[in-house]
Amino acid sequence: MATRAQRLAEFNGSSEPPLNEPVQVLCEDKSGTYQLPFTCRWVDGSWRNSESGGVLEATVVGWRRSGR
Protein backbone atom coordinates (compact mmCIF):
# COMPACT_ATOMS: atom_id res chain seq x y z
CA MET A 1 0.00 0.00 0.00
CA ALA A 2 1.33 3.43 -0.96
CA THR A 3 2.20 5.82 1.83
CA ARG A 4 0.87 9.37 1.99
CA ALA A 5 4.25 10.74 0.92
CA GLN A 6 4.36 8.39 -2.09
CA ARG A 7 0.88 9.42 -3.20
CA LEU A 8 1.63 13.12 -2.77
CA ALA A 9 4.81 12.72 -4.83
CA GLU A 10 2.68 11.59 -7.80
CA PHE A 11 0.56 14.76 -7.72
CA ASN A 12 1.26 18.48 -7.93
CA GLY A 13 0.24 20.22 -4.76
CA SER A 14 2.32 23.36 -4.95
CA SER A 15 1.17 25.20 -8.07
CA GLU A 16 -2.10 26.42 -9.50
CA PRO A 17 -3.93 23.84 -11.59
CA PRO A 18 -4.64 24.68 -15.24
CA LEU A 19 -7.87 26.62 -15.51
CA ASN A 20 -10.87 24.66 -16.74
CA GLU A 21 -8.77 21.63 -17.82
CA PRO A 22 -9.81 18.14 -16.66
CA VAL A 23 -7.28 16.75 -14.17
CA GLN A 24 -7.06 13.90 -11.69
CA VAL A 25 -7.19 14.99 -8.06
CA LEU A 26 -5.88 13.52 -4.84
CA CYS A 27 -8.07 14.16 -1.81
CA GLU A 28 -7.53 13.63 1.91
CA ASP A 29 -9.75 13.04 4.90
CA LYS A 30 -9.33 11.58 8.38
CA SER A 31 -8.95 8.08 6.87
CA GLY A 32 -6.15 9.00 4.47
CA THR A 33 -5.59 10.00 0.87
CA TYR A 34 -7.55 8.82 -2.13
CA GLN A 35 -7.86 9.60 -5.83
CA LEU A 36 -11.31 10.44 -7.12
CA PRO A 37 -12.60 8.09 -9.85
CA PHE A 38 -13.53 11.02 -12.12
CA THR A 39 -11.72 14.07 -13.44
CA CYS A 40 -12.20 17.53 -11.99
CA ARG A 41 -11.72 21.09 -13.17
CA TRP A 42 -10.49 24.18 -11.31
CA VAL A 43 -13.13 26.81 -12.13
CA ASP A 44 -13.63 30.20 -10.48
CA GLY A 45 -11.59 29.23 -7.42
CA SER A 46 -13.23 25.88 -6.71
CA TRP A 47 -12.88 22.25 -7.76
CA ARG A 48 -15.73 20.88 -9.84
CA ASN A 49 -16.63 17.44 -11.16
CA SER A 50 -15.84 17.55 -14.90
CA GLU A 51 -18.98 15.64 -15.83
CA SER A 52 -21.66 16.98 -13.49
CA GLY A 53 -20.21 20.44 -12.82
CA GLY A 54 -20.92 19.98 -9.12
CA VAL A 55 -18.59 21.54 -6.56
CA LEU A 56 -16.41 19.03 -4.69
CA GLU A 57 -16.99 18.67 -1.00
CA ALA A 58 -13.57 17.11 -0.46
CA THR A 59 -10.18 18.46 0.54
CA VAL A 60 -7.99 18.37 -2.56
CA VAL A 61 -4.28 18.06 -1.70
CA GLY A 62 -2.90 17.55 -5.21
CA TRP A 63 -3.67 17.36 -8.90
CA ARG A 64 -2.12 15.95 -12.07
CA ARG A 65 -2.98 16.04 -15.75
CA SER A 66 -5.26 13.22 -16.91
CA GLY A 67 -3.91 10.28 -18.84
CA ARG A 68 -1.20 9.42 -16.38
PDB file of N, CA and C in Angstrom:
ATOM      1  N   MET A   1       0.843  -1.182   0.000  1.00  0.00           N
ATOM      2  CA  MET A   1       0.000   0.000   0.000  1.00  0.00           C
ATOM      3  C   MET A   1       0.887   1.243   0.000  1.00  0.00           C
ATOM      4  N   ALA A   2       0.543   2.206  -0.843  1.00  0.00           N
ATOM      5  CA  ALA A   2       1.327   3.431  -0.956  1.00  0.00           C
ATOM      6  C   ALA A   2       1.169   4.298   0.290  1.00  0.00           C
ATOM      7  N   THR A   3       2.252   4.912   0.686  1.00  0.00           N
ATOM      8  CA  THR A   3       2.195   5.821   1.828  1.00  0.00           C
ATOM      9  C   THR A   3       1.688   7.180   1.367  1.00  0.00           C
ATOM     10  N   ARG A   4       1.334   8.021   2.314  1.00  0.00           N
ATOM     11  CA  ARG A   4       0.868   9.375   1.993  1.00  0.00           C
ATOM     12  C   ARG A   4       1.924  10.113   1.185  1.00  0.00           C
ATOM     13  N   ALA A   5       3.166  10.033   1.606  1.00  0.00           N
ATOM     14  CA  ALA A   5       4.249  10.736   0.915  1.00  0.00           C
ATOM     15  C   ALA A   5       4.397  10.242  -0.526  1.00  0.00           C
ATOM     16  N   GLN A   6       4.260   8.944  -0.734  1.00  0.00           N
ATOM     17  CA  GLN A   6       4.359   8.392  -2.089  1.00  0.00           C
ATOM     18  C   GLN A   6       3.222   8.898  -2.972  1.00  0.00           C
ATOM     19  N   ARG A   7       2.023   8.923  -2.421  1.00  0.00           N
ATOM     20  CA  ARG A   7       0.879   9.420  -3.197  1.00  0.00           C
ATOM     21  C   ARG A   7       1.046  10.899  -3.517  1.00  0.00           C
ATOM     22  N   LEU A   8       1.446  11.685  -2.536  1.00  0.00           N
ATOM     23  CA  LEU A   8       1.634  13.115  -2.766  1.00  0.00           C
ATOM     24  C   LEU A   8       2.701  13.384  -3.819  1.00  0.00           C
ATOM     25  N   ALA A   9       3.732  12.545  -3.864  1.00  0.00           N
ATOM     26  CA  ALA A   9       4.812  12.717  -4.828  1.00  0.00           C
ATOM     27  C   ALA A   9       4.326  12.535  -6.270  1.00  0.00           C
ATOM     28  N   GLU A  10       3.223  11.830  -6.467  1.00  0.00           N
ATOM     29  CA  GLU A  10       2.683  11.591  -7.796  1.00  0.00           C
ATOM     30  C   GLU A  10       1.781  12.730  -8.279  1.00  0.00           C
ATOM     31  N   PHE A  11       1.478  13.667  -7.408  1.00  0.00           N
ATOM     32  CA  PHE A  11       0.563  14.759  -7.718  1.00  0.00           C
ATOM     33  C   PHE A  11       1.234  16.096  -7.451  1.00  0.00           C
ATOM     34  N   ASN A  12       0.762  17.134  -8.128  1.00  0.00           N
ATOM     35  CA  ASN A  12       1.255  18.482  -7.934  1.00  0.00           C
ATOM     36  C   ASN A  12       0.392  19.152  -6.876  1.00  0.00           C
ATOM     37  N   GLY A  13       1.001  19.558  -5.797  1.00  0.00           N
ATOM     38  CA  GLY A  13       0.239  20.223  -4.757  1.00  0.00           C
ATOM     39  C   GLY A  13       0.733  21.621  -4.478  1.00  0.00           C
ATOM     40  N   SER A  14       1.701  22.078  -5.262  1.00  0.00           N
ATOM     41  CA  SER A  14       2.322  23.360  -4.954  1.00  0.00           C
ATOM     42  C   SER A  14       2.027  24.468  -5.953  1.00  0.00           C
ATOM     43  N   SER A  15       1.468  24.144  -7.103  1.00  0.00           N
ATOM     44  CA  SER A  15       1.174  25.201  -8.072  1.00  0.00           C
ATOM     45  C   SER A  15      -0.299  25.206  -8.435  1.00  0.00           C
ATOM     46  N   GLU A  16      -0.711  26.296  -9.067  1.00  0.00           N
ATOM     47  CA  GLU A  16      -2.097  26.419  -9.497  1.00  0.00           C
ATOM     48  C   GLU A  16      -2.403  25.397 -10.585  1.00  0.00           C
ATOM     49  N   PRO A  17      -3.546  24.768 -10.515  1.00  0.00           N
ATOM     50  CA  PRO A  17      -3.934  23.841 -11.588  1.00  0.00           C
ATOM     51  C   PRO A  17      -4.294  24.627 -12.841  1.00  0.00           C
ATOM     52  N   PRO A  18      -4.236  23.996 -14.010  1.00  0.00           N
ATOM     53  CA  PRO A  18      -4.637  24.677 -15.236  1.00  0.00           C
ATOM     54  C   PRO A  18      -6.133  25.002 -15.172  1.00  0.00           C
ATOM     55  N   LEU A  19      -6.478  26.201 -15.568  1.00  0.00           N
ATOM     56  CA  LEU A  19      -7.873  26.624 -15.507  1.00  0.00           C
ATOM     57  C   LEU A  19      -8.739  25.836 -16.475  1.00  0.00           C
ATOM     58  N   ASN A  20      -9.834  25.329 -15.958  1.00  0.00           N
ATOM     59  CA  ASN A  20     -10.871  24.659 -16.744  1.00  0.00           C
ATOM     60  C   ASN A  20     -10.365  23.489 -17.590  1.00  0.00           C
ATOM     61  N   GLU A  21      -9.294  22.824 -17.147  1.00  0.00           N
ATOM     62  CA  GLU A  21      -8.774  21.627 -17.824  1.00  0.00           C
ATOM     63  C   GLU A  21      -9.047  20.420 -16.939  1.00  0.00           C
ATOM     64  N   PRO A  22      -9.549  19.308 -17.494  1.00  0.00           N
ATOM     65  CA  PRO A  22      -9.810  18.143 -16.657  1.00  0.00           C
ATOM     66  C   PRO A  22      -8.508  17.532 -16.133  1.00  0.00           C
ATOM     67  N   VAL A  23      -8.453  17.337 -14.828  1.00  0.00           N
ATOM     68  CA  VAL A  23      -7.281  16.753 -14.175  1.00  0.00           C
ATOM     69  C   VAL A  23      -7.727  15.721 -13.148  1.00  0.00           C
ATOM     70  N   GLN A  24      -6.819  14.845 -12.781  1.00  0.00           N
ATOM     71  CA  GLN A  24      -7.062  13.902 -11.694  1.00  0.00           C
ATOM     72  C   GLN A  24      -6.709  14.612 -10.392  1.00  0.00           C
ATOM     73  N   VAL A  25      -7.475  14.355  -9.347  1.00  0.00           N
ATOM     74  CA  VAL A  25      -7.191  14.985  -8.059  1.00  0.00           C
ATOM     75  C   VAL A  25      -6.979  13.950  -6.964  1.00  0.00           C
ATOM     76  N   LEU A  26      -6.130  14.325  -6.025  1.00  0.00           N
ATOM     77  CA  LEU A  26      -5.876  13.518  -4.835  1.00  0.00           C
ATOM     78  C   LEU A  26      -6.520  14.251  -3.668  1.00  0.00           C
ATOM     79  N   CYS A  27      -7.362  13.563  -2.938  1.00  0.00           N
ATOM     80  CA  CYS A  27      -8.068  14.156  -1.805  1.00  0.00           C
ATOM     81  C   CYS A  27      -7.590  13.515  -0.511  1.00  0.00           C
ATOM     82  N   GLU A  28      -7.937  14.149   0.598  1.00  0.00           N
ATOM     83  CA  GLU A  28      -7.530  13.633   1.906  1.00  0.00           C
ATOM     84  C   GLU A  28      -8.643  13.874   2.913  1.00  0.00           C
ATOM     85  N   ASP A  29      -8.847  12.887   3.764  1.00  0.00           N
ATOM     86  CA  ASP A  29      -9.748  13.038   4.901  1.00  0.00           C
ATOM     87  C   ASP A  29      -9.134  12.332   6.099  1.00  0.00           C
ATOM     88  N   LYS A  30      -9.893  12.157   7.153  1.00  0.00           N
ATOM     89  CA  LYS A  30      -9.333  11.575   8.378  1.00  0.00           C
ATOM     90  C   LYS A  30      -8.871  10.128   8.203  1.00  0.00           C
ATOM     91  N   SER A  31      -9.344   9.469   7.131  1.00  0.00           N
ATOM     92  CA  SER A  31      -8.947   8.084   6.869  1.00  0.00           C
ATOM     93  C   SER A  31      -7.702   7.964   6.007  1.00  0.00           C
ATOM     94  N   GLY A  32      -7.334   9.037   5.317  1.00  0.00           N
ATOM     95  CA  GLY A  32      -6.153   8.997   4.468  1.00  0.00           C
ATOM     96  C   GLY A  32      -6.362   9.713   3.151  1.00  0.00           C
ATOM     97  N   THR A  33      -5.501   9.381   2.186  1.00  0.00           N
ATOM     98  CA  THR A  33      -5.590  10.000   0.867  1.00  0.00           C
ATOM     99  C   THR A  33      -6.255   9.044  -0.117  1.00  0.00           C
ATOM    100  N   TYR A  34      -6.892   9.623  -1.120  1.00  0.00           N
ATOM    101  CA  TYR A  34      -7.554   8.816  -2.131  1.00  0.00           C
ATOM    102  C   TYR A  34      -7.705   9.638  -3.404  1.00  0.00           C
ATOM    103  N   GLN A  35      -7.662   8.960  -4.539  1.00  0.00           N
ATOM    104  CA  GLN A  35      -7.861   9.598  -5.831  1.00  0.00           C
ATOM    105  C   GLN A  35      -9.314   9.447  -6.222  1.00  0.00           C
ATOM    106  N   LEU A  36      -9.917  10.524  -6.678  1.00  0.00           N
ATOM    107  CA  LEU A  36     -11.307  10.440  -7.119  1.00  0.00           C
ATOM    108  C   LEU A  36     -11.393   9.662  -8.426  1.00  0.00           C
ATOM    109  N   PRO A  37     -12.473   8.919  -8.648  1.00  0.00           N
ATOM    110  CA  PRO A  37     -12.603   8.088  -9.852  1.00  0.00           C
ATOM    111  C   PRO A  37     -13.080   8.866 -11.079  1.00  0.00           C
ATOM    112  N   PHE A  38     -13.107  10.175 -10.997  1.00  0.00           N
ATOM    113  CA  PHE A  38     -13.528  11.020 -12.116  1.00  0.00           C
ATOM    114  C   PHE A  38     -12.611  12.237 -12.166  1.00  0.00           C
ATOM    115  N   THR A  39     -12.553  12.878 -13.333  1.00  0.00           N
ATOM    116  CA  THR A  39     -11.716  14.068 -13.441  1.00  0.00           C
ATOM    117  C   THR A  39     -12.458  15.283 -12.894  1.00  0.00           C
ATOM    118  N   CYS A  40     -11.662  16.288 -12.539  1.00  0.00           N
ATOM    119  CA  CYS A  40     -12.203  17.527 -11.994  1.00  0.00           C
ATOM    120  C   CYS A  40     -11.584  18.705 -12.719  1.00  0.00           C
ATOM    121  N   ARG A  41     -12.215  19.856 -12.579  1.00  0.00           N
ATOM    122  CA  ARG A  41     -11.717  21.095 -13.174  1.00  0.00           C
ATOM    123  C   ARG A  41     -11.643  22.169 -12.096  1.00  0.00           C
ATOM    124  N   TRP A  42     -10.640  23.032 -12.201  1.00  0.00           N
ATOM    125  CA  TRP A  42     -10.488  24.177 -11.309  1.00  0.00           C
ATOM    126  C   TRP A  42     -11.173  25.355 -12.007  1.00  0.00           C
ATOM    127  N   VAL A  43     -12.325  25.770 -11.500  1.00  0.00           N
ATOM    128  CA  VAL A  43     -13.134  26.807 -12.130  1.00  0.00           C
ATOM    129  C   VAL A  43     -13.540  27.843 -11.089  1.00  0.00           C
ATOM    130  N   ASP A  44     -13.229  29.084 -11.366  1.00  0.00           N
ATOM    131  CA  ASP A  44     -13.630  30.195 -10.482  1.00  0.00           C
ATOM    132  C   ASP A  44     -13.270  29.947  -9.014  1.00  0.00           C
ATOM    133  N   GLY A  45     -12.076  29.403  -8.786  1.00  0.00           N
ATOM    134  CA  GLY A  45     -11.589  29.228  -7.419  1.00  0.00           C
ATOM    135  C   GLY A  45     -12.121  28.021  -6.672  1.00  0.00           C
ATOM    136  N   SER A  46     -12.756  27.085  -7.383  1.00  0.00           N
ATOM    137  CA  SER A  46     -13.230  25.877  -6.708  1.00  0.00           C
ATOM    138  C   SER A  46     -13.078  24.679  -7.629  1.00  0.00           C
ATOM    139  N   TRP A  47     -12.967  23.507  -7.012  1.00  0.00           N
ATOM    140  CA  TRP A  47     -12.880  22.253  -7.759  1.00  0.00           C
ATOM    141  C   TRP A  47     -14.280  21.785  -8.107  1.00  0.00           C
ATOM    142  N   ARG A  48     -14.445  21.376  -9.375  1.00  0.00           N
ATOM    143  CA  ARG A  48     -15.734  20.883  -9.840  1.00  0.00           C
ATOM    144  C   ARG A  48     -15.576  19.555 -10.564  1.00  0.00           C
ATOM    145  N   ASN A  49     -16.567  18.695 -10.423  1.00  0.00           N
ATOM    146  CA  ASN A  49     -16.625  17.436 -11.159  1.00  0.00           C
ATOM    147  C   ASN A  49     -16.729  17.787 -12.640  1.00  0.00           C
ATOM    148  N   SER A  50     -15.850  17.226 -13.466  1.00  0.00           N
ATOM    149  CA  SER A  50     -15.841  17.547 -14.899  1.00  0.00           C
ATOM    150  C   SER A  50     -17.126  17.166 -15.599  1.00  0.00           C
ATOM    151  N   GLU A  51     -17.773  16.108 -15.159  1.00  0.00           N
ATOM    152  CA  GLU A  51     -18.985  15.636 -15.828  1.00  0.00           C
ATOM    153  C   GLU A  51     -20.240  16.353 -15.341  1.00  0.00           C
ATOM    154  N   SER A  52     -20.422  16.418 -14.034  1.00  0.00           N
ATOM    155  CA  SER A  52     -21.659  16.982 -13.494  1.00  0.00           C
ATOM    156  C   SER A  52     -21.585  18.490 -13.270  1.00  0.00           C
ATOM    157  N   GLY A  53     -20.364  19.014 -13.118  1.00  0.00           N
ATOM    158  CA  GLY A  53     -20.207  20.436 -12.821  1.00  0.00           C
ATOM    159  C   GLY A  53     -20.393  20.764 -11.354  1.00  0.00           C
ATOM    160  N   GLY A  54     -20.710  19.750 -10.542  1.00  0.00           N
ATOM    161  CA  GLY A  54     -20.918  19.975  -9.118  1.00  0.00           C
ATOM    162  C   GLY A  54     -19.625  20.306  -8.389  1.00  0.00           C
ATOM    163  N   VAL A  55     -19.736  21.147  -7.373  1.00  0.00           N
ATOM    164  CA  VAL A  55     -18.588  21.536  -6.562  1.00  0.00           C
ATOM    165  C   VAL A  55     -18.199  20.374  -5.656  1.00  0.00           C
ATOM    166  N   LEU A  56     -16.888  20.103  -5.568  1.00  0.00           N
ATOM    167  CA  LEU A  56     -16.406  19.030  -4.694  1.00  0.00           C
ATOM    168  C   LEU A  56     -16.555  19.422  -3.241  1.00  0.00           C
ATOM    169  N   GLU A  57     -16.921  18.468  -2.430  1.00  0.00           N
ATOM    170  CA  GLU A  57     -16.995  18.669  -0.998  1.00  0.00           C
ATOM    171  C   GLU A  57     -15.888  17.867  -0.331  1.00  0.00           C
ATOM    172  N   ALA A  58     -14.724  17.863  -0.959  1.00  0.00           N
ATOM    173  CA  ALA A  58     -13.573  17.110  -0.459  1.00  0.00           C
ATOM    174  C   ALA A  58     -12.388  18.054  -0.372  1.00  0.00           C
ATOM    175  N   THR A  59     -11.409  17.685   0.434  1.00  0.00           N
ATOM    176  CA  THR A  59     -10.182  18.462   0.544  1.00  0.00           C
ATOM    177  C   THR A  59      -9.184  17.949  -0.475  1.00  0.00           C
ATOM    178  N   VAL A  60      -8.927  18.737  -1.501  1.00  0.00           N
ATOM    179  CA  VAL A  60      -7.986  18.368  -2.558  1.00  0.00           C
ATOM    180  C   VAL A  60      -6.579  18.766  -2.106  1.00  0.00           C
ATOM    181  N   VAL A  61      -5.664  17.792  -2.121  1.00  0.00           N
ATOM    182  CA  VAL A  61      -4.281  18.058  -1.698  1.00  0.00           C
ATOM    183  C   VAL A  61      -3.296  18.002  -2.861  1.00  0.00           C
ATOM    184  N   GLY A  62      -3.769  17.595  -4.046  1.00  0.00           N
ATOM    185  CA  GLY A  62      -2.899  17.553  -5.207  1.00  0.00           C
ATOM    186  C   GLY A  62      -3.678  17.281  -6.473  1.00  0.00           C
ATOM    187  N   TRP A  63      -3.055  17.588  -7.598  1.00  0.00           N
ATOM    188  CA  TRP A  63      -3.667  17.356  -8.898  1.00  0.00           C
ATOM    189  C   TRP A  63      -2.592  16.925  -9.882  1.00  0.00           C
ATOM    190  N   ARG A  64      -3.016  16.290 -10.971  1.00  0.00           N
ATOM    191  CA  ARG A  64      -2.124  15.952 -12.072  1.00  0.00           C
ATOM    192  C   ARG A  64      -2.942  15.869 -13.348  1.00  0.00           C
ATOM    193  N   ARG A  65      -2.289  16.102 -14.463  1.00  0.00           N
ATOM    194  CA  ARG A  65      -2.983  16.044 -15.749  1.00  0.00           C
ATOM    195  C   ARG A  65      -3.501  14.623 -15.975  1.00  0.00           C
ATOM    196  N   SER A  66      -4.641  14.524 -16.615  1.00  0.00           N
ATOM    197  CA  SER A  66      -5.256  13.222 -16.911  1.00  0.00           C
ATOM    198  C   SER A  66      -4.394  12.435 -17.889  1.00  0.00           C
ATOM    199  N   GLY A  67      -4.631  11.143 -17.918  1.00  0.00           N
ATOM    200  CA  GLY A  67      -3.914  10.276 -18.845  1.00  0.00           C
ATOM    201  C   GLY A  67      -2.611   9.748 -18.300  1.00  0.00           C
ATOM    202  N   ARG A  68      -2.403   9.901 -17.016  1.00  0.00           N
ATOM    203  CA  ARG A  68      -1.195   9.422 -16.384  1.00  0.00           C
ATOM    204  C   ARG A  68      -1.372   8.051 -15.860  1.00  0.00           C
TER     205      ARG A  68
END
